[in-house]
Structures are given as C-alpha cells and as structure tokens.
Amino acid sequence: MGYLRSNPTTVCKRPKVGQAEIKPLDNEAANAFTEAIKGHRFENLYLLTMYTGLRRGEVCGLTWDCVDLERGTILINK
C-alpha cells in the first residue's frame, strides 16, 4: 500500500547469541560417572546417552520399536 518506503528493521542490530562451551568428559571423569550411577534406576539410560552422544530429546523419544536387539541398532526417528 506504500505506507512505508523502507523496512525499519534493516537498521536494527541483532543481539549476539552466545553458545555454551562444550566440555566432554575425559576417561577419568567418565569412569567416575559410571561408578557413581551404578544401581541407579536410570543407569542404562545414562550410559546410553553418554556412549552414543544422543541428545536429551532423542533419548526421551526412544520407544521399544526403535530398538533392534538382533542387529544391535537403535533407530532415532523422533
């Protein structure tokens, strides 16, 4: 309709989005974590997450139809 001759957002500065630094566990920390979770009701879930690198949403979306024990595979589809 011609009310605005230019886009007023072109002069805006977008805020910088900081990214958290990723600090993977070293062997000593991974072993300590493994010992600390022994017997915990979510031990297998924690180990799966740690050794596969799956994200929280991927792990929470797992269902038994995603697991193929014969092939030893897990399908991530959610």
Protein backbone atom coordinates (compact mmCIF):
# COMPACT_ATOMS: atom_id res chain seq x y z
CA MET A 1 0.00 0.00 0.00
CA GLY A 2 3.11 2.22 0.09
CA TYR A 3 2.85 3.41 3.70
CA LEU A 4 6.47 2.51 4.43
CA ARG A 5 9.17 3.40 1.92
CA SER A 6 11.76 1.14 3.54
CA ASN A 7 11.92 -1.66 6.06
CA PRO A 8 12.60 -0.11 9.51
CA THR A 9 14.16 -3.34 10.77
CA THR A 10 17.12 -3.03 8.39
CA VAL A 11 18.77 -0.51 10.75
CA CYS A 12 18.34 -2.72 13.82
CA LYS A 13 21.30 -4.62 15.23
CA ARG A 14 20.54 -8.22 16.11
CA PRO A 15 21.72 -9.37 19.53
CA LYS A 16 24.64 -11.77 19.67
CA VAL A 17 23.70 -15.24 20.82
CA GLY A 18 26.37 -16.80 22.97
CA GLN A 19 26.99 -20.50 22.74
CA ALA A 20 27.89 -22.54 25.77
CA GLU A 21 31.26 -24.22 25.60
CA ILE A 22 31.01 -28.00 25.31
CA LYS A 23 33.19 -29.82 27.83
CA PRO A 24 33.21 -33.58 27.10
CA LEU A 25 34.16 -35.97 29.86
CA ASP A 26 37.69 -37.33 29.86
CA ASN A 27 38.29 -41.03 30.63
CA GLU A 28 38.74 -40.42 34.34
CA ALA A 29 35.52 -38.42 34.64
CA ALA A 30 33.59 -40.95 32.52
CA ASN A 31 34.78 -43.78 34.77
CA ALA A 32 33.84 -41.81 37.90
CA PHE A 33 30.40 -41.08 36.46
CA THR A 34 29.90 -44.75 35.55
CA GLU A 35 30.77 -45.77 39.13
CA ALA A 36 28.51 -43.08 40.61
CA ILE A 37 25.42 -44.23 38.71
CA LYS A 38 25.78 -47.96 39.40
CA GLY A 39 22.48 -49.27 40.69
CA HIS A 40 20.57 -46.09 39.82
CA ARG A 41 17.19 -46.78 38.23
CA PHE A 42 18.24 -44.78 35.14
CA GLU A 43 21.74 -46.26 34.88
CA ASN A 44 21.14 -47.78 31.43
CA LEU A 45 19.63 -44.55 30.15
CA TYR A 46 22.62 -42.53 31.37
CA LEU A 47 25.08 -44.98 29.83
CA LEU A 48 23.22 -44.97 26.51
CA THR A 49 23.28 -41.19 26.46
CA MET A 50 26.95 -40.95 27.39
CA TYR A 51 28.26 -43.56 24.95
CA THR A 52 26.10 -42.68 21.94
CA GLY A 53 26.09 -38.89 22.14
CA LEU A 54 22.32 -38.75 21.76
CA ARG A 55 20.61 -35.53 22.76
CA ARG A 56 18.03 -35.40 25.54
CA GLY A 57 15.08 -35.19 23.15
CA GLU A 58 16.36 -38.13 21.12
CA VAL A 59 16.76 -40.30 24.21
CA CYS A 60 13.36 -39.31 25.60
CA GLY A 61 11.74 -40.14 22.24
CA LEU A 62 13.03 -43.71 22.19
CA THR A 63 10.48 -46.50 22.25
CA TRP A 64 10.96 -50.25 22.08
CA ASP A 65 10.01 -50.35 18.40
CA CYS A 66 13.16 -48.25 17.75
CA VAL A 67 15.42 -50.95 19.23
CA ASP A 68 16.59 -53.90 17.14
CA LEU A 69 18.38 -56.29 19.52
CA GLU A 70 19.20 -58.80 16.75
CA ARG A 71 21.11 -56.22 14.70
CA GLY A 72 22.30 -54.25 17.71
CA THR A 73 20.89 -50.98 16.37
CA ILE A 74 18.74 -48.13 17.59
CA LEU A 75 16.61 -46.08 15.20
CA ILE A 76 16.41 -42.38 16.08
CA ASN A 77 13.24 -41.08 14.44
CA LYS A 78 11.65 -38.75 16.99
